Amino acid sequence: MTGLTEALPGAASASLYDAVPYPGHPFAQTHPDRLATLATLFGLEPPPVERCRVLELGCGDGGNLVPMALELPDACFVGVDAAEGAIARGRGLIDALELPNVELEARPLEELEPLAGGFDYVIAHGLYSWVTAPVRDRLLALCREALSEQGVAYVSYNALPGGRLREALRDMLVFHAAADEQPGQRVEHARALLHLLMEGWSEDNEFGAIMRRQAGRLLERSDETLFHDELAVVNESVYFHEFAAHAGRHGLQYLAEADFFEMQIGTVPEPVAGELLGVEDPLRREQYLDFLKGRMFRQTLLCRKEHSLDRSPRPAVLARMAVSTPAKARGEPGAGGQTTFEGPSGSTLTTDHRLVVGALERLGRSWPAALWVRELMPARASEAERAALCDALLRCYAGNLVQLHVHPPGLATSAGELPEASPLARHQARSGELVTNLRHISVRIEDELGRRLVSLLDGSCDRAALTAELGAWLERAGQEVPADLGDGLERSLQGLAGLALLRR
């Protein structure tokens, strides 16, 4: 998150994001495919993803926007941020990749006047809670002004009531580091306090146990994230109903959450769910969900207020979508043919429906690629069978077992004769462990040889050439060349395909 210009204590006006660079990352939940999929589910007709126009407010160094522009060459992307250093880094990356369809502008939101209706998707990730009230107001005004007729805006923010826990710990950190003028000192002292609190709070104490877990989560964050998020001058949590009302004043309405499963009841007990979540008003229902789940963070999608939305997504819509999942069958089928599928997050589905079992098995084998739902339908499937499959897939989507797509990623599930990674992944592999895959997610390649391999995958090298290049690289580095380097190469290439790093 960037976009707010603040002053360092005791210093002239200077951007904290220039003083402490905030490295950009891809966020899959902001991708046009995700936004268009949810818009379609709820009754909108969003523009085709492959030709969309995207505006990102608080874009930082383009870590989220540039990968989209690379994989959607016929789409148009504009990023705006007040931090000039971040914009300069992003422009350097754009030049290195020779991307003609993305522009980054160094400009405060207050000075931005976008073309009315000029963008199909507006993204503001990690911005709303970290800017002052007038800038928050301008942010939502920009969303309305910039959105096309069927457009979707993504806005994330810290939410209440769960945010109370974060605020309590943040208040302690800010108080403890108030006298530190240098960012590095503030982070160092904040970390020292967190370690001290981890030791001082006992699991036997109810408050201490809760806060201890929260402190542990903060210690896992990078220095940049801790500094800009928890130690920021502004960090405001809001209730969902307050945010929805604020959006309404700017001609916007609540569409959905970027993670569809977050809109579901989950583990809420039936008597409570029936009493509080059975209300017809979707805004009251979402607010009660926040109360019951103790939600800390929201990723909310907005659209123009005048649209009439379908608040109960219909399974039939899935017939024109694609689906992907890493879920695998757990154990052997039961006596009645019941099979349990489990995803990496622990979500499960148990079914004995022959068509559903076959579809999920095929999807698991095809991961990380997506398959069109129509491809999962046997040619002679009855209407009842087609409806059952779509209904099961929608339930899987609600349970976070599968992902739906209107524009599935163009990736390969196996390494071809001339394997190719994206230009961005090759560029990133030359300088660090984190690379962006074709599902718009950061993946870590820890070993140096693996990163060297990724940097070589420009689609021009066959196995022999890759083996020779890697062997020469090992020799230059003074390392022994393994006798089974060729076999290791094949395993590595298949591993890269599994990480969604190889292009189709």
Protein backbone atom coordinates (compact mmCIF):
# COMPACT_ATOMS: atom_id res chain seq x y z
CA MET A 1 0.00 0.00 0.00
CA THR A 2 1.30 3.43 -0.94
CA GLY A 3 -0.15 6.76 -1.89
CA LEU A 4 0.03 8.75 1.34
CA THR A 5 2.72 11.38 1.68
CA GLU A 6 3.68 11.92 5.31
CA ALA A 7 6.44 13.74 7.12
CA LEU A 8 9.18 12.00 9.01
CA PRO A 9 9.39 13.20 12.62
CA GLY A 10 11.78 16.13 12.74
CA ALA A 11 12.19 16.22 8.96
CA ALA A 12 10.84 18.33 6.14
CA SER A 13 7.97 16.98 4.07
CA ALA A 14 9.09 13.64 2.66
CA SER A 15 7.36 10.49 1.57
CA LEU A 16 7.84 7.63 3.99
CA TYR A 17 7.44 5.32 1.04
CA ASP A 18 10.52 6.85 -0.54
CA ALA A 19 12.42 6.68 2.76
CA VAL A 20 11.37 3.05 3.32
CA PRO A 21 10.50 1.43 -0.04
CA TYR A 22 7.51 -0.86 0.09
CA PRO A 23 8.11 -3.73 -2.37
CA GLY A 24 5.11 -4.44 -4.55
CA HIS A 25 3.54 -7.88 -4.86
CA PRO A 26 0.79 -9.44 -6.97
CA PHE A 27 -2.58 -9.88 -5.29
CA ALA A 28 -4.67 -12.56 -7.00
CA GLN A 29 -7.85 -11.21 -5.43
CA THR A 30 -7.46 -7.96 -7.42
CA HIS A 31 -6.97 -9.58 -10.83
CA PRO A 32 -9.58 -8.67 -13.46
CA ASP A 33 -10.40 -12.36 -13.85
CA ARG A 34 -11.43 -12.55 -10.18
CA LEU A 35 -13.40 -9.29 -10.32
CA ALA A 36 -15.16 -10.23 -13.56
CA THR A 37 -16.01 -13.71 -12.25
CA LEU A 38 -17.73 -12.35 -9.15
CA ALA A 39 -19.47 -9.61 -11.12
CA THR A 40 -20.86 -12.27 -13.47
CA LEU A 41 -22.03 -14.41 -10.57
CA PHE A 42 -24.01 -11.51 -9.14
CA GLY A 43 -25.75 -10.51 -12.36
CA LEU A 44 -23.47 -7.94 -14.00
CA GLU A 45 -22.07 -8.22 -17.52
CA PRO A 46 -18.47 -7.04 -17.09
CA PRO A 47 -16.35 -6.21 -20.16
CA PRO A 48 -14.09 -8.99 -21.51
CA VAL A 49 -11.01 -9.36 -19.33
CA GLU A 50 -8.65 -9.64 -22.30
CA ARG A 51 -9.56 -6.09 -23.44
CA CYS A 52 -10.32 -4.41 -20.12
CA ARG A 53 -9.11 -1.07 -18.77
CA VAL A 54 -7.70 -1.08 -15.24
CA LEU A 55 -6.84 1.76 -12.85
CA GLU A 56 -4.89 1.06 -9.66
CA LEU A 57 -4.87 3.74 -6.95
CA GLY A 58 -1.84 3.50 -4.67
CA CYS A 59 -0.06 1.22 -7.15
CA GLY A 60 3.40 1.50 -5.54
CA ASP A 61 6.11 0.15 -7.81
CA GLY A 62 3.65 -1.70 -10.04
CA GLY A 63 4.22 -5.11 -8.45
CA ASN A 64 0.50 -5.86 -8.79
CA LEU A 65 -0.24 -4.06 -12.06
CA VAL A 66 2.75 -4.97 -14.24
CA PRO A 67 2.16 -8.77 -14.19
CA MET A 68 -1.44 -8.18 -15.31
CA ALA A 69 -0.29 -5.96 -18.16
CA LEU A 70 2.23 -8.56 -19.29
CA GLU A 71 -0.29 -11.40 -19.45
CA LEU A 72 -3.13 -9.27 -20.91
CA PRO A 73 -1.40 -7.49 -23.81
CA ASP A 74 -4.64 -6.18 -25.34
CA ALA A 75 -5.81 -4.61 -22.08
CA CYS A 76 -4.86 -1.14 -20.78
CA PHE A 77 -3.44 -0.40 -17.30
CA VAL A 78 -2.82 2.84 -15.40
CA GLY A 79 -1.30 3.10 -11.92
CA VAL A 80 -1.18 6.17 -9.71
CA ASP A 81 0.86 6.72 -6.54
CA ALA A 82 2.25 9.71 -4.65
CA ALA A 83 5.60 8.03 -3.94
CA GLU A 84 7.92 9.15 -6.74
CA GLY A 85 10.59 6.60 -5.89
CA ALA A 86 8.15 3.71 -6.22
CA ILE A 87 6.86 5.03 -9.53
CA ALA A 88 10.44 5.37 -10.82
CA ARG A 89 11.18 1.75 -9.93
CA GLY A 90 7.98 0.62 -11.61
CA ARG A 91 8.78 2.56 -14.77
CA GLY A 92 12.20 0.95 -14.83
CA LEU A 93 10.57 -2.49 -14.74
CA ILE A 94 8.11 -1.51 -17.48
CA ASP A 95 10.99 -0.34 -19.68
CA ALA A 96 12.95 -3.53 -19.00
CA LEU A 97 9.96 -5.63 -20.07
CA GLU A 98 9.12 -3.28 -22.96
CA LEU A 99 5.44 -3.12 -22.02
CA PRO A 100 3.40 -0.65 -24.13
CA ASN A 101 0.05 -1.12 -22.34
CA VAL A 102 0.81 0.16 -18.82
CA GLU A 103 1.53 3.64 -17.48
CA LEU A 104 2.47 4.73 -13.95
CA GLU A 105 1.92 8.28 -12.72
CA ALA A 106 3.43 9.98 -9.67
CA ARG A 107 0.52 12.02 -8.38
CA PRO A 108 -1.50 12.39 -5.13
CA LEU A 109 -5.07 11.12 -5.32
CA GLU A 110 -6.36 14.60 -4.55
CA GLU A 111 -4.97 15.83 -7.87
CA LEU A 112 -6.21 12.94 -10.00
CA GLU A 113 -9.00 13.60 -12.52
CA PRO A 114 -9.60 10.35 -14.41
CA LEU A 115 -11.53 10.09 -17.64
CA ALA A 116 -15.18 9.65 -16.66
CA GLY A 117 -16.21 6.04 -17.15
CA GLY A 118 -12.76 5.29 -18.49
CA PHE A 119 -11.99 2.12 -16.51
CA ASP A 120 -13.66 -1.26 -16.16
CA TYR A 121 -11.83 -2.11 -12.95
CA VAL A 122 -10.51 0.19 -10.23
CA ILE A 123 -8.20 -1.29 -7.59
CA ALA A 124 -7.34 0.29 -4.23
CA HIS A 125 -5.57 -2.34 -2.14
CA GLY A 126 -4.32 -1.38 1.33
CA LEU A 127 -5.15 2.30 0.91
CA TYR A 128 -8.52 3.22 2.44
CA SER A 129 -7.56 2.63 6.09
CA TRP A 130 -4.19 4.33 5.77
CA VAL A 131 -5.20 7.75 4.46
CA THR A 132 -6.96 10.67 6.08
CA ALA A 133 -10.74 11.11 5.92
CA PRO A 134 -10.65 13.65 3.04
CA VAL A 135 -8.47 11.32 0.96
CA ARG A 136 -10.77 8.36 1.74
CA ASP A 137 -13.63 10.48 0.48
CA ARG A 138 -11.74 11.32 -2.70
CA LEU A 139 -10.81 7.66 -3.20
CA LEU A 140 -14.46 6.55 -3.36
CA ALA A 141 -15.36 9.54 -5.50
CA LEU A 142 -12.65 8.49 -7.94
CA CYS A 143 -14.03 4.94 -8.01
CA ARG A 144 -17.43 6.24 -9.07
CA GLU A 145 -16.05 8.75 -11.57
CA ALA A 146 -13.67 6.29 -13.19
CA LEU A 147 -15.91 3.20 -13.38
CA SER A 148 -17.47 2.17 -16.67
CA GLU A 149 -21.16 1.20 -16.76
CA GLN A 150 -20.58 -2.45 -15.79
CA GLY A 151 -17.32 -1.79 -13.98
CA VAL A 152 -16.15 -3.10 -10.59
CA ALA A 153 -14.06 -1.41 -7.90
CA TYR A 154 -11.98 -3.33 -5.38
CA VAL A 155 -11.31 -1.59 -2.04
CA SER A 156 -9.63 -3.27 0.93
CA TYR A 157 -9.62 -1.92 4.49
CA ASN A 158 -9.21 -2.84 8.15
CA ALA A 159 -12.54 -3.92 9.58
CA LEU A 160 -14.24 -3.86 12.97
CA PRO A 161 -14.86 -5.52 15.36
CA GLY A 162 -11.81 -7.72 14.81
CA GLY A 163 -9.70 -4.64 14.20
CA ARG A 164 -10.00 -3.75 17.87
CA LEU A 165 -7.35 -6.37 18.68
CA ARG A 166 -5.04 -4.98 16.03
CA GLU A 167 -5.64 -1.43 17.27
CA ALA A 168 -4.81 -2.36 20.86
CA LEU A 169 -1.45 -3.82 19.85
CA ARG A 170 -0.77 -1.03 17.37
CA ASP A 171 -1.38 1.58 20.09
CA MET A 172 1.27 -0.09 22.24
CA LEU A 173 3.77 -0.19 19.38
CA VAL A 174 3.21 3.43 18.39
CA PHE A 175 3.49 4.57 22.01
CA HIS A 176 6.66 2.55 22.54
CA ALA A 177 8.39 3.86 19.40
CA ALA A 178 7.09 7.44 19.56
CA ALA A 179 10.48 8.93 20.42
CA ASP A 180 12.31 7.27 17.53
CA GLU A 181 12.94 9.60 14.62
CA GLN A 182 14.43 7.10 12.18
CA PRO A 183 12.27 4.41 10.53
CA GLY A 184 14.83 1.70 11.26
CA GLN A 185 14.83 2.55 14.96
CA ARG A 186 11.04 2.50 15.10
CA VAL A 187 10.88 -0.94 13.53
CA GLU A 188 13.70 -2.28 15.72
CA HIS A 189 12.07 -1.09 18.93
CA ALA A 190 8.64 -2.31 17.80
CA ARG A 191 10.05 -5.79 17.17
CA ALA A 192 11.82 -5.78 20.53
CA LEU A 193 8.53 -4.94 22.25
CA LEU A 194 6.69 -7.69 20.37
CA HIS A 195 9.29 -10.26 21.49
CA LEU A 196 9.00 -8.98 25.06
CA LEU A 197 5.21 -9.23 24.97
CA MET A 198 5.39 -12.75 23.55
CA GLU A 199 7.38 -13.77 26.62
CA GLY A 200 5.31 -11.76 29.08
CA TRP A 201 1.83 -12.77 27.97
CA SER A 202 0.79 -16.17 29.23
CA GLU A 203 -1.47 -18.60 27.40
CA ASP A 204 -3.21 -19.10 30.75
CA ASN A 205 -4.49 -15.53 30.64
CA GLU A 206 -7.42 -15.05 28.25
CA PHE A 207 -6.39 -11.58 27.06
CA GLY A 208 -2.73 -12.54 26.98
CA ALA A 209 -3.39 -15.63 24.85
CA ILE A 210 -5.28 -13.58 22.27
CA MET A 211 -2.72 -10.79 22.11
CA ARG A 212 0.18 -13.24 22.07
CA ARG A 213 -1.16 -14.78 18.86
CA GLN A 214 -1.60 -11.34 17.33
CA ALA A 215 1.96 -10.34 18.28
CA GLY A 216 3.25 -13.55 16.70
CA ARG A 217 1.54 -12.67 13.43
CA LEU A 218 3.14 -9.23 13.40
CA LEU A 219 6.60 -10.68 14.00
CA GLU A 220 6.21 -12.71 10.80
CA ARG A 221 5.82 -9.55 8.75
CA SER A 222 8.62 -7.81 6.89
CA ASP A 223 10.14 -4.63 8.30
CA GLU A 224 8.54 -2.61 5.49
CA THR A 225 5.08 -4.00 6.18
CA LEU A 226 5.41 -3.50 9.93
CA PHE A 227 6.55 0.07 9.44
CA HIS A 228 3.98 1.16 6.87
CA ASP A 229 0.97 -0.78 8.17
CA GLU A 230 1.22 -0.99 11.96
CA LEU A 231 3.36 2.09 12.69
CA ALA A 232 1.66 4.32 10.11
CA VAL A 233 0.50 7.78 11.14
CA VAL A 234 -3.01 6.85 9.96
CA ASN A 235 -4.52 3.39 10.40
CA GLU A 236 -8.31 3.47 10.71
CA SER A 237 -10.56 0.43 11.07
CA VAL A 238 -14.23 0.81 10.14
CA TYR A 239 -17.40 -1.21 10.45
CA PHE A 240 -18.64 -2.70 7.20
CA HIS A 241 -21.94 -0.83 7.45
CA GLU A 242 -20.01 2.44 7.75
CA PHE A 243 -17.95 1.65 4.67
CA ALA A 244 -21.05 0.63 2.70
CA ALA A 245 -22.80 3.86 3.69
CA HIS A 246 -19.72 5.87 2.66
CA ALA A 247 -19.70 4.12 -0.72
CA GLY A 248 -23.43 4.78 -1.09
CA ARG A 249 -22.89 8.51 -0.69
CA HIS A 250 -20.69 8.31 -3.78
CA GLY A 251 -23.18 6.42 -5.91
CA LEU A 252 -21.68 2.99 -5.29
CA GLN A 253 -23.16 -0.19 -3.82
CA TYR A 254 -21.85 -3.38 -2.27
CA LEU A 255 -21.36 -6.16 -4.79
CA ALA A 256 -19.42 -8.94 -3.04
CA GLU A 257 -16.19 -9.86 -1.29
CA ALA A 258 -13.15 -10.67 -3.41
CA ASP A 259 -13.01 -14.04 -1.64
CA PHE A 260 -16.45 -15.56 -2.18
CA PHE A 261 -16.01 -18.00 0.71
CA GLU A 262 -15.76 -15.05 3.11
CA MET A 263 -19.44 -14.32 2.43
CA GLN A 264 -20.52 -17.73 3.71
CA ILE A 265 -21.80 -18.65 7.16
CA GLY A 266 -18.99 -21.12 7.82
CA THR A 267 -18.93 -22.47 11.38
CA VAL A 268 -21.59 -20.13 12.78
CA PRO A 269 -24.02 -22.28 14.86
CA GLU A 270 -27.40 -22.86 13.24
CA PRO A 271 -29.60 -21.07 15.85
CA VAL A 272 -27.44 -17.94 15.62
CA ALA A 273 -27.20 -18.13 11.83
CA GLY A 274 -30.95 -18.48 11.47
CA GLU A 275 -31.69 -15.55 13.77
CA LEU A 276 -29.07 -13.05 12.63
CA LEU A 277 -28.02 -14.12 9.12
CA GLY A 278 -31.42 -14.91 7.70
CA VAL A 279 -32.19 -11.23 7.12
CA GLU A 280 -33.03 -10.12 3.58
CA ASP A 281 -30.85 -7.01 3.69
CA PRO A 282 -27.42 -8.15 2.41
CA LEU A 283 -25.66 -5.27 4.20
CA ARG A 284 -27.08 -6.24 7.60
CA ARG A 285 -26.21 -9.86 6.91
CA GLU A 286 -22.60 -8.99 6.10
CA GLN A 287 -22.31 -6.81 9.20
CA TYR A 288 -23.62 -9.61 11.41
CA LEU A 289 -21.10 -11.95 9.79
CA ASP A 290 -18.33 -9.56 10.81
CA PHE A 291 -19.63 -9.46 14.37
CA LEU A 292 -19.81 -13.25 14.57
CA LYS A 293 -16.46 -13.92 12.86
CA GLY A 294 -14.54 -11.05 14.44
CA ARG A 295 -13.44 -9.94 10.99
CA MET A 296 -10.25 -7.85 10.88
CA PHE A 297 -9.89 -7.15 7.16
CA ARG A 298 -12.19 -6.84 4.19
CA GLN A 299 -11.67 -6.91 0.43
CA THR A 300 -14.90 -5.43 -0.85
CA LEU A 301 -16.13 -5.12 -4.43
CA LEU A 302 -18.32 -2.19 -5.40
CA CYS A 303 -20.33 -1.31 -8.50
CA ARG A 304 -22.60 1.51 -9.62
CA LYS A 305 -25.56 2.02 -7.32
CA GLU A 306 -28.18 1.93 -10.08
CA HIS A 307 -27.62 -1.75 -10.93
CA SER A 308 -30.13 -4.37 -9.85
CA LEU A 309 -28.03 -7.29 -8.63
CA ASP A 310 -28.81 -10.99 -8.35
CA ARG A 311 -27.99 -11.59 -4.68
CA SER A 312 -28.38 -15.37 -4.96
CA PRO A 313 -25.80 -16.61 -7.49
CA ARG A 314 -27.32 -19.27 -9.75
CA PRO A 315 -25.37 -22.45 -10.51
CA ALA A 316 -26.38 -22.27 -14.18
CA VAL A 317 -24.04 -19.28 -14.64
CA LEU A 318 -21.08 -21.60 -14.10
CA ALA A 319 -21.77 -23.31 -17.43
CA ARG A 320 -19.83 -20.50 -19.16
CA MET A 321 -16.96 -20.39 -16.65
CA ALA A 322 -13.77 -22.33 -16.04
CA VAL A 323 -12.70 -23.93 -12.75
CA SER A 324 -9.42 -24.93 -11.14
CA THR A 325 -8.43 -26.74 -7.95
CA PRO A 326 -5.48 -28.57 -6.40
CA ALA A 327 -7.93 -30.69 -4.36
CA LYS A 328 -7.28 -34.43 -4.27
CA ALA A 329 -9.34 -37.42 -3.18
CA ARG A 330 -8.64 -38.37 0.42
CA GLY A 331 -8.37 -42.10 0.94
CA GLU A 332 -10.38 -44.74 -0.91
CA PRO A 333 -14.03 -44.29 -1.89
CA GLY A 334 -16.58 -45.52 0.63
CA ALA A 335 -18.88 -48.49 0.19
CA GLY A 336 -21.51 -46.32 -1.49
CA GLY A 337 -18.97 -44.71 -3.80
CA GLN A 338 -18.61 -41.66 -1.57
CA THR A 339 -15.37 -39.80 -2.17
CA THR A 340 -13.96 -37.00 -0.04
CA PHE A 341 -11.94 -34.29 -1.76
CA GLU A 342 -9.67 -32.05 0.30
CA GLY A 343 -7.98 -28.80 -0.68
CA PRO A 344 -4.76 -27.28 0.71
CA SER A 345 -6.71 -24.99 3.05
CA GLY A 346 -8.50 -27.94 4.66
CA SER A 347 -11.79 -27.47 2.80
CA THR A 348 -13.54 -30.72 1.91
CA LEU A 349 -16.43 -32.04 -0.14
CA THR A 350 -17.84 -35.55 0.15
CA THR A 351 -19.97 -36.78 -2.75
CA ASP A 352 -21.07 -39.99 -4.43
CA HIS A 353 -22.24 -38.27 -7.62
CA ARG A 354 -20.38 -39.95 -10.47
CA LEU A 355 -20.13 -36.80 -12.63
CA VAL A 356 -18.95 -34.61 -9.75
CA VAL A 357 -16.32 -37.16 -8.64
CA GLY A 358 -15.01 -37.46 -12.19
CA ALA A 359 -14.87 -33.70 -12.65
CA LEU A 360 -12.95 -33.06 -9.42
CA GLU A 361 -10.50 -35.87 -10.19
CA ARG A 362 -9.85 -34.43 -13.63
CA LEU A 363 -9.45 -30.91 -12.24
CA GLY A 364 -6.94 -32.13 -9.66
CA ARG A 365 -4.85 -33.77 -12.39
CA SER A 366 -4.98 -30.58 -14.46
CA TRP A 367 -3.81 -28.24 -11.67
CA PRO A 368 -2.56 -25.49 -11.81
CA ALA A 369 -4.48 -25.00 -15.08
CA ALA A 370 -8.22 -24.39 -15.25
CA LEU A 371 -10.74 -26.33 -17.34
CA TRP A 372 -13.95 -24.98 -18.80
CA VAL A 373 -16.98 -26.38 -17.06
CA ARG A 374 -18.39 -27.42 -20.44
CA GLU A 375 -15.33 -29.65 -20.90
CA LEU A 376 -16.25 -31.46 -17.70
CA MET A 377 -19.70 -32.34 -19.05
CA PRO A 378 -20.06 -35.68 -20.87
CA ALA A 379 -21.56 -35.22 -24.32
CA ARG A 380 -24.69 -37.13 -23.35
CA ALA A 381 -25.12 -35.66 -19.87
CA SER A 382 -28.73 -34.93 -18.97
CA GLU A 383 -29.91 -31.50 -17.89
CA ALA A 384 -30.24 -32.83 -14.35
CA GLU A 385 -26.62 -34.03 -14.38
CA ARG A 386 -25.38 -30.71 -15.76
CA ALA A 387 -27.31 -28.83 -13.07
CA ALA A 388 -25.92 -31.13 -10.37
CA LEU A 389 -22.34 -30.52 -11.49
CA CYS A 390 -22.77 -26.73 -11.60
CA ASP A 391 -24.45 -26.77 -8.19
CA ALA A 392 -21.62 -28.86 -6.70
CA LEU A 393 -18.95 -26.59 -8.17
CA LEU A 394 -20.69 -23.49 -6.80
CA ARG A 395 -20.77 -25.11 -3.36
CA CYS A 396 -17.08 -25.95 -3.75
CA TYR A 397 -16.39 -22.32 -4.64
CA ALA A 398 -18.32 -21.16 -1.57
CA GLY A 399 -16.25 -23.57 0.54
CA ASN A 400 -12.90 -22.40 -0.89
CA LEU A 401 -12.26 -25.78 -2.52
CA VAL A 402 -12.14 -24.51 -6.12
CA GLN A 403 -11.59 -21.23 -7.95
CA LEU A 404 -13.84 -20.01 -10.77
CA HIS A 405 -12.64 -18.08 -13.81
CA VAL A 406 -14.06 -16.22 -16.78
CA HIS A 407 -10.53 -15.78 -18.18
CA PRO A 408 -8.40 -18.74 -17.05
CA PRO A 409 -4.62 -18.27 -16.86
CA GLY A 410 -2.60 -19.27 -19.92
CA LEU A 411 -0.19 -21.69 -18.32
CA ALA A 412 1.31 -25.09 -19.10
CA THR A 413 0.92 -28.08 -16.79
CA SER A 414 4.03 -29.75 -18.19
CA ALA A 415 7.31 -28.62 -19.70
CA GLY A 416 7.26 -28.73 -23.50
CA GLU A 417 10.20 -29.16 -25.83
CA LEU A 418 11.12 -25.47 -25.46
CA PRO A 419 9.88 -24.48 -21.97
CA GLU A 420 9.13 -20.82 -21.39
CA ALA A 421 8.61 -18.73 -18.26
CA SER A 422 7.19 -15.22 -18.42
CA PRO A 423 9.62 -12.34 -19.04
CA LEU A 424 8.72 -10.98 -15.60
CA ALA A 425 9.55 -14.24 -13.79
CA ARG A 426 12.85 -14.43 -15.67
CA HIS A 427 13.64 -10.84 -14.74
CA GLN A 428 12.75 -11.37 -11.08
CA ALA A 429 14.71 -14.63 -10.83
CA ARG A 430 17.91 -12.75 -11.68
CA SER A 431 17.67 -10.60 -8.56
CA GLY A 432 15.74 -12.40 -5.82
CA GLU A 433 13.84 -15.43 -4.54
CA LEU A 434 10.29 -14.17 -5.17
CA VAL A 435 8.85 -14.45 -8.66
CA THR A 436 5.31 -13.87 -9.92
CA ASN A 437 3.58 -16.89 -11.41
CA LEU A 438 0.85 -17.06 -14.04
CA ARG A 439 -1.89 -17.31 -11.41
CA HIS A 440 -0.83 -13.85 -10.21
CA ILE A 441 0.75 -15.13 -7.00
CA SER A 442 4.26 -14.74 -5.61
CA VAL A 443 6.20 -17.99 -5.29
CA ARG A 444 9.59 -18.44 -3.70
CA ILE A 445 12.50 -20.18 -5.44
CA GLU A 446 15.08 -20.58 -2.71
CA ASP A 447 17.93 -22.34 -4.49
CA GLU A 448 20.21 -20.34 -6.75
CA LEU A 449 20.36 -23.04 -9.40
CA GLY A 450 16.57 -23.04 -9.66
CA ARG A 451 16.54 -19.27 -10.14
CA ARG A 452 19.22 -19.59 -12.81
CA LEU A 453 17.05 -22.15 -14.59
CA VAL A 454 14.02 -19.83 -14.56
CA SER A 455 16.12 -16.99 -16.00
CA LEU A 456 17.05 -19.23 -18.95
CA LEU A 457 13.49 -20.23 -19.89
CA ASP A 458 12.86 -17.84 -22.78
CA GLY A 459 11.39 -20.49 -25.07
CA SER A 460 14.52 -20.91 -27.19
CA CYS A 461 16.39 -23.63 -25.26
CA ASP A 462 15.77 -27.37 -25.43
CA ARG A 463 16.83 -29.82 -22.70
CA ALA A 464 20.35 -30.22 -24.07
CA ALA A 465 20.93 -26.47 -24.22
CA LEU A 466 19.53 -25.96 -20.72
CA THR A 467 21.70 -28.75 -19.30
CA ALA A 468 24.79 -27.27 -20.94
CA GLU A 469 23.99 -23.76 -19.67
CA LEU A 470 23.39 -24.94 -16.10
CA GLY A 471 26.53 -27.07 -16.13
CA ALA A 472 28.65 -24.15 -17.35
CA TRP A 473 27.10 -21.93 -14.68
CA LEU A 474 27.97 -24.43 -11.94
CA GLU A 475 31.56 -24.67 -13.20
CA ARG A 476 31.94 -20.87 -13.20
CA ALA A 477 30.65 -20.85 -9.64
CA GLY A 478 33.27 -23.42 -8.67
CA GLN A 479 30.67 -26.10 -7.96
CA GLU A 480 30.67 -29.73 -8.99
CA VAL A 481 28.40 -30.62 -11.90
CA PRO A 482 26.15 -33.56 -10.85
CA ALA A 483 26.24 -36.61 -13.07
CA ASP A 484 22.42 -36.68 -13.08
CA LEU A 485 22.02 -33.00 -13.98
CA GLY A 486 19.76 -33.90 -16.90
CA ASP A 487 17.42 -35.95 -14.70
CA GLY A 488 17.41 -33.17 -12.12
CA LEU A 489 16.54 -30.68 -14.84
CA GLU A 490 13.46 -32.67 -15.80
CA ARG A 491 12.27 -32.79 -12.19
CA SER A 492 12.89 -29.07 -11.80
CA LEU A 493 10.96 -28.23 -14.95
CA GLN A 494 8.00 -30.26 -13.78
CA GLY A 495 8.22 -28.52 -10.41
CA LEU A 496 8.15 -25.13 -12.13
CA ALA A 497 5.07 -26.21 -14.10
CA GLY A 498 3.40 -27.17 -10.82
CA LEU A 499 4.16 -23.69 -9.50
CA ALA A 500 2.32 -22.17 -12.51
CA LEU A 501 5.53 -20.66 -13.86
CA LEU A 502 5.53 -22.11 -17.38
CA ARG A 503 3.63 -20.55 -20.25
CA ARG A 504 1.37 -22.48 -22.57
